[in-house]
Amino acid sequence: MELFKERGTTRRGFLGAGVSALGAAWAAPRRKKIPVALELYSVREECKKDIKGTVRAVGQMGYDGVEYFATYFDFGTDLAKELRQIMDDLKIRCFSTHNSAKYLLPENLEKAAELNQILGSRQIIQASAPRITTAKGWQEVAENLNQAAEKLKPMGMRVGYHNHGVEFKPVEEKLPWEILAANTTKDVILQFDVGAAMSSGADPVTWIKRYPGRTVSVHVKEYSKDPAKGFRVLLGEGDANWKEIIQAAESVGGVEVYIIEQEGATLPPMETVERCLKTMRKLLA
């Protein structure tokens, strides 16, 4: 009892403060669990050999789902249905697909929508743009995205655009990312690739905060400023400030899914993505 008196309190007061603190912790809102998916481009060689086995292995690792890259457009409905069954059995999902620009053109959009619906995806993401050298060219990309968004909306689907480094390099004194954001409706997702943006010197936190609610998905790609390493580093071993990036994505960006993408590493691809998943779980804990 004397110990508590020396510190200016009593045992009763000390215990009461402890109970109050616990009560406050219990009353605090629980952080929303954001799913973690894998961009299958990270294991592209494995996908070429055995797409069904690769998707199954990814699900068994503990990923919440996948993002298919552009080759999915050639799956056909039968394979798409088989993959959907595998995902359903594993209780994982396809959050989105990456698409070449041509897949969003009117003559291909219907097929893309059909395959995405079979796979369970509700987001058709344009993976990149052709080489564009004018601001007008980027405005045309934005308009194409708007037109696709309008056609997909009645189906309960969305369209989006995924950045590389080029979107953060000036074209006629404007950044393509700014042009795309300013000239697309809020229905168009701005899928933010962290490592790709960093490779052009962009600060991910700044850009995520600049467009509230539009960073519906984040590509979790590590990057090292060491030219000898670049993208060839595992998640958590580069220069990305993941704590601040995650905080910005969840408090302002409106993120609904984190998608791990690994472009290169010294480890075998399947081991690499498994290690990245474990690191991501720690970052989100």
C-alpha atoms as a PDB file:
ATOM      1  CA  MET A   1       0.000   0.000   0.000  1.00  0.00           C
ATOM      2  CA  GLU A   2       2.851   2.349   0.822  1.00  0.00           C
ATOM      3  CA  LEU A   3       4.284   1.936  -2.676  1.00  0.00           C
ATOM      4  CA  PHE A   4       1.091   3.290  -4.253  1.00  0.00           C
ATOM      5  CA  LYS A   5       0.932   6.174  -1.758  1.00  0.00           C
ATOM      6  CA  GLU A   6       4.492   7.199  -2.637  1.00  0.00           C
ATOM      7  CA  ARG A   7       3.473   7.563  -6.267  1.00  0.00           C
ATOM      8  CA  GLY A   8       0.562   9.822  -5.418  1.00  0.00           C
ATOM      9  CA  THR A   9      -2.271   7.320  -5.729  1.00  0.00           C
ATOM     10  CA  THR A  10      -3.956   4.433  -3.955  1.00  0.00           C
ATOM     11  CA  ARG A  11      -4.381   0.803  -4.945  1.00  0.00           C
ATOM     12  CA  ARG A  12      -8.087   1.474  -5.552  1.00  0.00           C
ATOM     13  CA  GLY A  13      -7.255   4.430  -7.792  1.00  0.00           C
ATOM     14  CA  PHE A  14      -4.611   2.440  -9.639  1.00  0.00           C
ATOM     15  CA  LEU A  15      -6.955  -0.450 -10.301  1.00  0.00           C
ATOM     16  CA  GLY A  16      -9.740   1.916 -11.321  1.00  0.00           C
ATOM     17  CA  ALA A  17      -7.457   3.600 -13.855  1.00  0.00           C
ATOM     18  CA  GLY A  18      -6.496   0.193 -15.239  1.00  0.00           C
ATOM     19  CA  VAL A  19     -10.121  -0.838 -15.682  1.00  0.00           C
ATOM     20  CA  SER A  20     -10.878   2.486 -17.359  1.00  0.00           C
ATOM     21  CA  ALA A  21      -8.009   2.007 -19.787  1.00  0.00           C
ATOM     22  CA  LEU A  22      -9.199  -1.472 -20.678  1.00  0.00           C
ATOM     23  CA  GLY A  23     -12.714  -0.188 -21.149  1.00  0.00           C
ATOM     24  CA  ALA A  24     -11.457   2.498 -23.514  1.00  0.00           C
ATOM     25  CA  ALA A  25      -9.538  -0.103 -25.498  1.00  0.00           C
ATOM     26  CA  TRP A  26     -12.601  -2.336 -25.774  1.00  0.00           C
ATOM     27  CA  ALA A  27     -14.731   0.614 -26.812  1.00  0.00           C
ATOM     28  CA  ALA A  28     -12.303   1.711 -29.560  1.00  0.00           C
ATOM     29  CA  PRO A  29     -13.498   0.867 -33.085  1.00  0.00           C
ATOM     30  CA  ARG A  30     -11.930  -2.300 -34.457  1.00  0.00           C
ATOM     31  CA  ARG A  31      -9.697  -1.749 -37.475  1.00  0.00           C
ATOM     32  CA  LYS A  32     -11.294  -3.042 -40.641  1.00  0.00           C
ATOM     33  CA  LYS A  33      -9.571  -6.134 -42.030  1.00  0.00           C
ATOM     34  CA  ILE A  34      -8.353  -5.443 -45.549  1.00  0.00           C
ATOM     35  CA  PRO A  35      -7.812  -8.606 -47.623  1.00  0.00           C
ATOM     36  CA  VAL A  36      -4.425  -9.388 -49.166  1.00  0.00           C
ATOM     37  CA  ALA A  37      -4.284 -10.767 -52.712  1.00  0.00           C
ATOM     38  CA  LEU A  38      -1.495 -11.756 -55.078  1.00  0.00           C
ATOM     39  CA  GLU A  39      -0.942 -10.328 -58.539  1.00  0.00           C
ATOM     40  CA  LEU A  40      -0.291 -13.575 -60.401  1.00  0.00           C
ATOM     41  CA  TYR A  41       2.289 -11.861 -62.615  1.00  0.00           C
ATOM     42  CA  SER A  42       4.570 -12.427 -59.606  1.00  0.00           C
ATOM     43  CA  VAL A  43       4.468 -16.160 -60.393  1.00  0.00           C
ATOM     44  CA  ARG A  44       3.970 -15.876 -64.140  1.00  0.00           C
ATOM     45  CA  GLU A  45       6.266 -18.753 -65.128  1.00  0.00           C
ATOM     46  CA  GLU A  46       4.415 -21.062 -62.748  1.00  0.00           C
ATOM     47  CA  CYS A  47       1.114 -19.886 -64.240  1.00  0.00           C
ATOM     48  CA  LYS A  48       2.344 -20.753 -67.736  1.00  0.00           C
ATOM     49  CA  LYS A  49       3.098 -24.309 -66.648  1.00  0.00           C
ATOM     50  CA  ASP A  50       0.025 -24.927 -64.488  1.00  0.00           C
ATOM     51  CA  ILE A  51      -2.392 -22.071 -63.859  1.00  0.00           C
ATOM     52  CA  LYS A  52      -4.834 -24.188 -61.856  1.00  0.00           C
ATOM     53  CA  GLY A  53      -2.153 -25.662 -59.630  1.00  0.00           C
ATOM     54  CA  THR A  54      -0.604 -22.234 -59.096  1.00  0.00           C
ATOM     55  CA  VAL A  55      -3.885 -20.632 -58.054  1.00  0.00           C
ATOM     56  CA  ARG A  56      -4.508 -23.543 -55.695  1.00  0.00           C
ATOM     57  CA  ALA A  57      -1.026 -23.184 -54.147  1.00  0.00           C
ATOM     58  CA  VAL A  58      -1.477 -19.429 -53.680  1.00  0.00           C
ATOM     59  CA  GLY A  59      -4.762 -19.979 -51.880  1.00  0.00           C
ATOM     60  CA  GLN A  60      -3.234 -22.634 -49.662  1.00  0.00           C
ATOM     61  CA  MET A  61      -0.466 -20.205 -48.664  1.00  0.00           C
ATOM     62  CA  GLY A  62      -3.083 -18.022 -47.009  1.00  0.00           C
ATOM     63  CA  TYR A  63      -3.721 -15.333 -49.598  1.00  0.00           C
ATOM     64  CA  ASP A  64      -7.279 -13.999 -49.600  1.00  0.00           C
ATOM     65  CA  GLY A  65      -7.393 -13.934 -53.371  1.00  0.00           C
ATOM     66  CA  VAL A  66      -5.667 -13.141 -56.642  1.00  0.00           C
ATOM     67  CA  GLU A  67      -5.484 -10.662 -59.466  1.00  0.00           C
ATOM     68  CA  TYR A  68      -5.122 -12.248 -62.899  1.00  0.00           C
ATOM     69  CA  PHE A  69      -2.871 -10.526 -65.429  1.00  0.00           C
ATOM     70  CA  ALA A  70      -3.622  -9.931 -69.095  1.00  0.00           C
ATOM     71  CA  THR A  71      -3.219 -13.514 -70.294  1.00  0.00           C
ATOM     72  CA  TYR A  72      -6.538 -14.346 -68.590  1.00  0.00           C
ATOM     73  CA  PHE A  73      -8.257 -12.879 -71.663  1.00  0.00           C
ATOM     74  CA  ASP A  74      -7.333 -16.048 -73.533  1.00  0.00           C
ATOM     75  CA  PHE A  75      -8.603 -18.474 -70.880  1.00  0.00           C
ATOM     76  CA  GLY A  76     -11.978 -19.166 -72.451  1.00  0.00           C
ATOM     77  CA  THR A  77     -15.093 -19.700 -70.386  1.00  0.00           C
ATOM     78  CA  ASP A  78     -14.398 -23.355 -69.528  1.00  0.00           C
ATOM     79  CA  LEU A  79     -11.035 -22.667 -67.891  1.00  0.00           C
ATOM     80  CA  ALA A  80     -12.428 -19.557 -66.202  1.00  0.00           C
ATOM     81  CA  LYS A  81     -15.178 -21.689 -64.658  1.00  0.00           C
ATOM     82  CA  GLU A  82     -12.656 -24.284 -63.459  1.00  0.00           C
ATOM     83  CA  LEU A  83     -10.546 -21.569 -61.831  1.00  0.00           C
ATOM     84  CA  ARG A  84     -13.634 -20.081 -60.201  1.00  0.00           C
ATOM     85  CA  GLN A  85     -14.461 -23.488 -58.720  1.00  0.00           C
ATOM     86  CA  ILE A  86     -10.924 -23.823 -57.344  1.00  0.00           C
ATOM     87  CA  MET A  87     -11.172 -20.368 -55.768  1.00  0.00           C
ATOM     88  CA  ASP A  88     -14.595 -21.091 -54.325  1.00  0.00           C
ATOM     89  CA  ASP A  89     -13.335 -24.363 -52.828  1.00  0.00           C
ATOM     90  CA  LEU A  90     -10.449 -22.509 -51.189  1.00  0.00           C
ATOM     91  CA  LYS A  91     -12.728 -19.640 -50.124  1.00  0.00           C
ATOM     92  CA  ILE A  92     -10.585 -17.085 -51.942  1.00  0.00           C
ATOM     93  CA  ARG A  93     -11.655 -14.706 -54.681  1.00  0.00           C
ATOM     94  CA  CYS A  94     -10.537 -12.853 -57.763  1.00  0.00           C
ATOM     95  CA  PHE A  95     -10.531  -9.205 -56.766  1.00  0.00           C
ATOM     96  CA  SER A  96      -9.611  -7.797 -60.176  1.00  0.00           C
ATOM     97  CA  THR A  97      -7.880  -8.448 -63.482  1.00  0.00           C
ATOM     98  CA  HIS A  98      -5.119  -6.605 -65.300  1.00  0.00           C
ATOM     99  CA  ASN A  99      -5.875  -5.801 -68.895  1.00  0.00           C
ATOM    100  CA  SER A 100      -4.136  -4.463 -71.973  1.00  0.00           C
ATOM    101  CA  ALA A 101      -5.610  -1.193 -73.199  1.00  0.00           C
ATOM    102  CA  LYS A 102      -7.234  -2.967 -76.160  1.00  0.00           C
ATOM    103  CA  TYR A 103      -9.352  -5.101 -73.828  1.00  0.00           C
ATOM    104  CA  LEU A 104     -11.261  -2.007 -72.742  1.00  0.00           C
ATOM    105  CA  LEU A 105     -12.204  -1.071 -76.299  1.00  0.00           C
ATOM    106  CA  PRO A 106     -15.895  -1.553 -77.190  1.00  0.00           C
ATOM    107  CA  GLU A 107     -15.204  -4.618 -79.346  1.00  0.00           C
ATOM    108  CA  ASN A 108     -13.441  -6.430 -76.461  1.00  0.00           C
ATOM    109  CA  LEU A 109     -15.082  -5.043 -73.334  1.00  0.00           C
ATOM    110  CA  GLU A 110     -18.045  -7.429 -73.463  1.00  0.00           C
ATOM    111  CA  LYS A 111     -15.742 -10.479 -73.472  1.00  0.00           C
ATOM    112  CA  ALA A 112     -13.637  -8.999 -70.665  1.00  0.00           C
ATOM    113  CA  ALA A 113     -16.772  -8.393 -68.603  1.00  0.00           C
ATOM    114  CA  GLU A 114     -18.012 -11.948 -69.200  1.00  0.00           C
ATOM    115  CA  LEU A 115     -14.712 -13.534 -68.115  1.00  0.00           C
ATOM    116  CA  ASN A 116     -14.453 -11.262 -65.076  1.00  0.00           C
ATOM    117  CA  GLN A 117     -17.968 -12.174 -64.002  1.00  0.00           C
ATOM    118  CA  ILE A 118     -17.169 -15.884 -64.287  1.00  0.00           C
ATOM    119  CA  LEU A 119     -13.990 -15.423 -62.251  1.00  0.00           C
ATOM    120  CA  GLY A 120     -15.889 -13.370 -59.686  1.00  0.00           C
ATOM    121  CA  SER A 121     -14.015 -10.146 -60.387  1.00  0.00           C
ATOM    122  CA  ARG A 122     -15.821  -6.824 -60.276  1.00  0.00           C
ATOM    123  CA  GLN A 123     -12.849  -4.671 -61.286  1.00  0.00           C
ATOM    124  CA  ILE A 124     -11.318  -4.494 -64.758  1.00  0.00           C
ATOM    125  CA  ILE A 125      -8.019  -2.631 -64.452  1.00  0.00           C
ATOM    126  CA  GLN A 126      -6.085  -1.213 -67.394  1.00  0.00           C
ATOM    127  CA  ALA A 127      -2.540  -2.345 -66.652  1.00  0.00           C
ATOM    128  CA  SER A 128      -0.758   0.349 -68.668  1.00  0.00           C
ATOM    129  CA  ALA A 129      -1.065   2.698 -71.616  1.00  0.00           C
ATOM    130  CA  PRO A 130       0.693   2.643 -74.974  1.00  0.00           C
ATOM    131  CA  ARG A 131       3.590   5.070 -75.343  1.00  0.00           C
ATOM    132  CA  ILE A 132       2.037   8.533 -75.091  1.00  0.00           C
ATOM    133  CA  THR A 133       3.939  11.789 -75.605  1.00  0.00           C
ATOM    134  CA  THR A 134       1.229  14.452 -75.266  1.00  0.00           C
ATOM    135  CA  ALA A 135      -1.198  15.637 -72.606  1.00  0.00           C
ATOM    136  CA  LYS A 136      -3.998  15.169 -75.127  1.00  0.00           C
ATOM    137  CA  GLY A 137      -3.035  11.526 -75.477  1.00  0.00           C
ATOM    138  CA  TRP A 138      -3.454  11.005 -71.731  1.00  0.00           C
ATOM    139  CA  GLN A 139      -6.787  12.825 -71.822  1.00  0.00           C
ATOM    140  CA  GLU A 140      -7.919  10.320 -74.456  1.00  0.00           C
ATOM    141  CA  VAL A 141      -6.915   7.466 -72.131  1.00  0.00           C
ATOM    142  CA  ALA A 142      -9.051   9.088 -69.441  1.00  0.00           C
ATOM    143  CA  GLU A 143     -12.021   9.382 -71.762  1.00  0.00           C
ATOM    144  CA  ASN A 144     -11.751   5.713 -72.767  1.00  0.00           C
ATOM    145  CA  LEU A 145     -11.774   4.798 -69.076  1.00  0.00           C
ATOM    146  CA  ASN A 146     -14.871   6.918 -68.504  1.00  0.00           C
ATOM    147  CA  GLN A 147     -16.676   5.243 -71.398  1.00  0.00           C
ATOM    148  CA  ALA A 148     -15.782   1.777 -70.110  1.00  0.00           C
ATOM    149  CA  ALA A 149     -16.869   2.750 -66.582  1.00  0.00           C
ATOM    150  CA  GLU A 150     -20.260   3.869 -67.889  1.00  0.00           C
ATOM    151  CA  LYS A 151     -20.814   0.561 -69.693  1.00  0.00           C
ATOM    152  CA  LEU A 152     -19.682  -1.559 -66.751  1.00  0.00           C
ATOM    153  CA  LYS A 153     -21.588   0.270 -64.031  1.00  0.00           C
ATOM    154  CA  PRO A 154     -25.002  -1.327 -64.789  1.00  0.00           C
ATOM    155  CA  MET A 155     -23.294  -4.728 -64.372  1.00  0.00           C
ATOM    156  CA  GLY A 156     -22.067  -3.811 -60.907  1.00  0.00           C
ATOM    157  CA  MET A 157     -18.510  -3.625 -62.214  1.00  0.00           C
ATOM    158  CA  ARG A 158     -15.814  -0.955 -62.177  1.00  0.00           C
ATOM    159  CA  VAL A 159     -12.886   0.006 -64.341  1.00  0.00           C
ATOM    160  CA  GLY A 160      -9.524   1.293 -63.171  1.00  0.00           C
ATOM    161  CA  TYR A 161      -6.028   2.283 -64.194  1.00  0.00           C
ATOM    162  CA  HIS A 162      -2.725   0.971 -62.809  1.00  0.00           C
ATOM    163  CA  ASN A 163       0.343   3.199 -62.771  1.00  0.00           C
ATOM    164  CA  HIS A 164       3.903   2.495 -63.735  1.00  0.00           C
ATOM    165  CA  GLY A 165       6.724   4.993 -63.379  1.00  0.00           C
ATOM    166  CA  VAL A 166       5.872   6.903 -66.565  1.00  0.00           C
ATOM    167  CA  GLU A 167       2.711   8.400 -65.049  1.00  0.00           C
ATOM    168  CA  PHE A 168       4.922  10.434 -62.702  1.00  0.00           C
ATOM    169  CA  LYS A 169       7.154  11.906 -65.391  1.00  0.00           C
ATOM    170  CA  PRO A 170       6.036  15.267 -66.881  1.00  0.00           C
ATOM    171  CA  VAL A 171       4.421  15.443 -70.294  1.00  0.00           C
ATOM    172  CA  GLU A 172       4.007  19.034 -71.491  1.00  0.00           C
ATOM    173  CA  GLU A 173       4.615  20.183 -67.888  1.00  0.00           C
ATOM    174  CA  LYS A 174       1.869  17.938 -66.528  1.00  0.00           C
ATOM    175  CA  LEU A 175       2.061  14.578 -64.831  1.00  0.00           C
ATOM    176  CA  PRO A 176      -0.027  11.891 -66.580  1.00  0.00           C
ATOM    177  CA  TRP A 177      -1.317  10.696 -63.171  1.00  0.00           C
ATOM    178  CA  GLU A 178      -2.741  14.170 -62.541  1.00  0.00           C
ATOM    179  CA  ILE A 179      -4.295  14.240 -66.007  1.00  0.00           C
ATOM    180  CA  LEU A 180      -5.925  10.850 -65.493  1.00  0.00           C
ATOM    181  CA  ALA A 181      -7.264  11.757 -62.060  1.00  0.00           C
ATOM    182  CA  ALA A 182      -8.612  15.131 -63.182  1.00  0.00           C
ATOM    183  CA  ASN A 183     -10.293  13.796 -66.308  1.00  0.00           C
ATOM    184  CA  THR A 184     -11.896  10.594 -65.016  1.00  0.00           C
ATOM    185  CA  THR A 185     -15.018  10.250 -62.919  1.00  0.00           C
ATOM    186  CA  LYS A 186     -14.847   8.948 -59.363  1.00  0.00           C
ATOM    187  CA  ASP A 187     -16.152   5.637 -60.712  1.00  0.00           C
ATOM    188  CA  VAL A 188     -12.669   5.041 -62.183  1.00  0.00           C
ATOM    189  CA  ILE A 189     -10.295   3.379 -59.709  1.00  0.00           C
ATOM    190  CA  LEU A 190      -6.763   4.746 -59.410  1.00  0.00           C
ATOM    191  CA  GLN A 191      -4.912   1.533 -58.596  1.00  0.00           C
ATOM    192  CA  PHE A 192      -1.701   2.701 -56.963  1.00  0.00           C
ATOM    193  CA  ASP A 193       1.526   0.762 -57.532  1.00  0.00           C
ATOM    194  CA  VAL A 194       3.855   1.847 -54.731  1.00  0.00           C
ATOM    195  CA  GLY A 195       7.164   0.618 -56.118  1.00  0.00           C
ATOM    196  CA  ALA A 196       6.480   1.830 -59.648  1.00  0.00           C
ATOM    197  CA  ALA A 197       5.658   5.329 -58.381  1.00  0.00           C
ATOM    198  CA  MET A 198       8.766   5.392 -56.198  1.00  0.00           C
ATOM    199  CA  SER A 199      10.931   4.427 -59.174  1.00  0.00           C
ATOM    200  CA  SER A 200      10.094   7.839 -60.666  1.00  0.00           C
ATOM    201  CA  GLY A 201      10.724   9.690 -57.426  1.00  0.00           C
ATOM    202  CA  ALA A 202       7.064  10.037 -56.415  1.00  0.00           C
ATOM    203  CA  ASP A 203       6.002   9.901 -52.761  1.00  0.00           C
ATOM    204  CA  PRO A 204       3.203   7.323 -52.418  1.00  0.00           C
ATOM    205  CA  VAL A 205       1.677   8.905 -49.298  1.00  0.00           C
ATOM    206  CA  THR A 206       1.340  12.293 -50.969  1.00  0.00           C
ATOM    207  CA  TRP A 207      -0.413  10.884 -54.023  1.00  0.00           C
ATOM    208  CA  ILE A 208      -2.731   8.570 -52.140  1.00  0.00           C
ATOM    209  CA  LYS A 209      -3.865  11.475 -49.958  1.00  0.00           C
ATOM    210  CA  ARG A 210      -4.335  13.763 -52.940  1.00  0.00           C
ATOM    211  CA  TYR A 211      -7.252  11.732 -54.322  1.00  0.00           C
ATOM    212  CA  PRO A 212      -9.484  10.623 -51.416  1.00  0.00           C
ATOM    213  CA  GLY A 213     -11.487   7.479 -51.965  1.00  0.00           C
ATOM    214  CA  ARG A 214      -9.931   6.608 -55.303  1.00  0.00           C
ATOM    215  CA  THR A 215      -7.151   4.263 -54.196  1.00  0.00           C
ATOM    216  CA  VAL A 216      -9.491   1.290 -54.002  1.00  0.00           C
ATOM    217  CA  SER A 217      -6.594  -1.123 -54.452  1.00  0.00           C
ATOM    218  CA  VAL A 218      -2.875  -0.828 -53.737  1.00  0.00           C
ATOM    219  CA  HIS A 219      -0.130  -2.799 -55.429  1.00  0.00           C
ATOM    220  CA  VAL A 220       2.218  -3.680 -52.612  1.00  0.00           C
ATOM    221  CA  LYS A 221       5.488  -3.622 -54.516  1.00  0.00           C
ATOM    222  CA  GLU A 222       8.751  -2.919 -52.736  1.00  0.00           C
ATOM    223  CA  TYR A 223      11.458  -0.660 -54.159  1.00  0.00           C
ATOM    224  CA  SER A 224      15.034   0.136 -53.225  1.00  0.00           C
ATOM    225  CA  LYS A 225      16.692   3.432 -54.112  1.00  0.00           C
ATOM    226  CA  ASP A 226      19.904   1.466 -54.563  1.00  0.00           C
ATOM    227  CA  PRO A 227      20.247   1.245 -58.379  1.00  0.00           C
ATOM    228  CA  ALA A 228      21.768  -2.217 -58.036  1.00  0.00           C
ATOM    229  CA  LYS A 229      18.578  -3.492 -56.376  1.00  0.00           C
ATOM    230  CA  GLY A 230      15.582  -1.505 -57.606  1.00  0.00           C
ATOM    231  CA  PHE A 231      12.607  -3.885 -57.595  1.00  0.00           C
ATOM    232  CA  ARG A 232      14.762  -6.887 -56.706  1.00  0.00           C
ATOM    233  CA  VAL A 233      14.068  -6.653 -52.992  1.00  0.00           C
ATOM    234  CA  LEU A 234      11.556  -8.466 -50.835  1.00  0.00           C
ATOM    235  CA  LEU A 235       8.707  -6.646 -49.142  1.00  0.00           C
ATOM    236  CA  GLY A 236       9.997  -4.777 -46.099  1.00  0.00           C
ATOM    237  CA  GLU A 237      13.607  -4.791 -47.296  1.00  0.00           C
ATOM    238  CA  GLY A 238      13.463  -1.689 -49.483  1.00  0.00           C
ATOM    239  CA  ASP A 239      12.787   2.002 -48.934  1.00  0.00           C
ATOM    240  CA  ALA A 240       8.971   2.139 -48.915  1.00  0.00           C
ATOM    241  CA  ASN A 241       7.517   3.523 -45.669  1.00  0.00           C
ATOM    242  CA  TRP A 242       4.796   0.911 -45.429  1.00  0.00           C
ATOM    243  CA  LYS A 243       3.455   2.126 -42.084  1.00  0.00           C
ATOM    244  CA  GLU A 244       2.620   5.559 -43.500  1.00  0.00           C
ATOM    245  CA  ILE A 245       1.454   4.157 -46.840  1.00  0.00           C
ATOM    246  CA  ILE A 246      -0.996   1.773 -45.160  1.00  0.00           C
ATOM    247  CA  GLN A 247      -2.230   4.527 -42.846  1.00  0.00           C
ATOM    248  CA  ALA A 248      -2.869   6.840 -45.811  1.00  0.00           C
ATOM    249  CA  ALA A 249      -4.523   4.115 -47.871  1.00  0.00           C
ATOM    250  CA  GLU A 250      -6.919   3.187 -45.068  1.00  0.00           C
ATOM    251  CA  SER A 251      -7.679   6.637 -43.651  1.00  0.00           C
ATOM    252  CA  VAL A 252      -7.956   8.577 -46.930  1.00  0.00           C
ATOM    253  CA  GLY A 253      -7.462   6.369 -49.962  1.00  0.00           C
ATOM    254  CA  GLY A 254     -10.443   4.082 -49.457  1.00  0.00           C
ATOM    255  CA  VAL A 255      -8.420   0.904 -49.998  1.00  0.00           C
ATOM    256  CA  GLU A 256     -10.431  -2.313 -50.250  1.00  0.00           C
ATOM    257  CA  VAL A 257      -7.636  -4.752 -51.088  1.00  0.00           C
ATOM    258  CA  TYR A 258      -3.850  -4.933 -50.930  1.00  0.00           C
ATOM    259  CA  ILE A 259      -2.319  -6.762 -53.888  1.00  0.00           C
ATOM    260  CA  ILE A 260       1.232  -8.020 -53.480  1.00  0.00           C
ATOM    261  CA  GLU A 261       3.338  -7.877 -56.623  1.00  0.00           C
ATOM    262  CA  GLN A 262       6.949  -9.004 -56.842  1.00  0.00           C
ATOM    263  CA  GLU A 263       8.789  -8.278 -60.066  1.00  0.00           C
ATOM    264  CA  GLY A 264      12.052  -9.988 -59.250  1.00  0.00           C
ATOM    265  CA  ALA A 265      14.000 -11.511 -56.378  1.00  0.00           C
ATOM    266  CA  THR A 266      16.852 -13.882 -55.744  1.00  0.00           C
ATOM    267  CA  LEU A 267      14.541 -16.521 -54.279  1.00  0.00           C
ATOM    268  CA  PRO A 268      12.232 -18.880 -56.226  1.00  0.00           C
ATOM    269  CA  PRO A 269       8.943 -17.060 -57.030  1.00  0.00           C
ATOM    270  CA  MET A 270       6.661 -19.217 -54.873  1.00  0.00           C
ATOM    271  CA  GLU A 271       8.949 -18.877 -51.875  1.00  0.00           C
ATOM    272  CA  THR A 272       9.201 -15.151 -52.526  1.00  0.00           C
ATOM    273  CA  VAL A 273       5.462 -14.523 -52.521  1.00  0.00           C
ATOM    274  CA  GLU A 274       4.988 -16.648 -49.425  1.00  0.00           C
ATOM    275  CA  ARG A 275       7.582 -14.604 -47.552  1.00  0.00           C
ATOM    276  CA  CYS A 276       5.994 -11.374 -48.787  1.00  0.00           C
ATOM    277  CA  LEU A 277       2.609 -12.499 -47.477  1.00  0.00           C
ATOM    278  CA  LYS A 278       4.044 -13.194 -44.024  1.00  0.00           C
ATOM    279  CA  THR A 279       5.655  -9.748 -43.976  1.00  0.00           C
ATOM    280  CA  MET A 280       2.409  -8.094 -45.077  1.00  0.00           C
ATOM    281  CA  ARG A 281       0.470  -9.807 -42.308  1.00  0.00           C
ATOM    282  CA  LYS A 282       2.955  -8.386 -39.808  1.00  0.00           C
ATOM    283  CA  LEU A 283       2.649  -4.908 -41.302  1.00  0.00           C
ATOM    284  CA  LEU A 284      -1.145  -5.087 -40.987  1.00  0.00           C
ATOM    285  CA  ALA A 285      -1.141  -6.557 -37.470  1.00  0.00           C
END
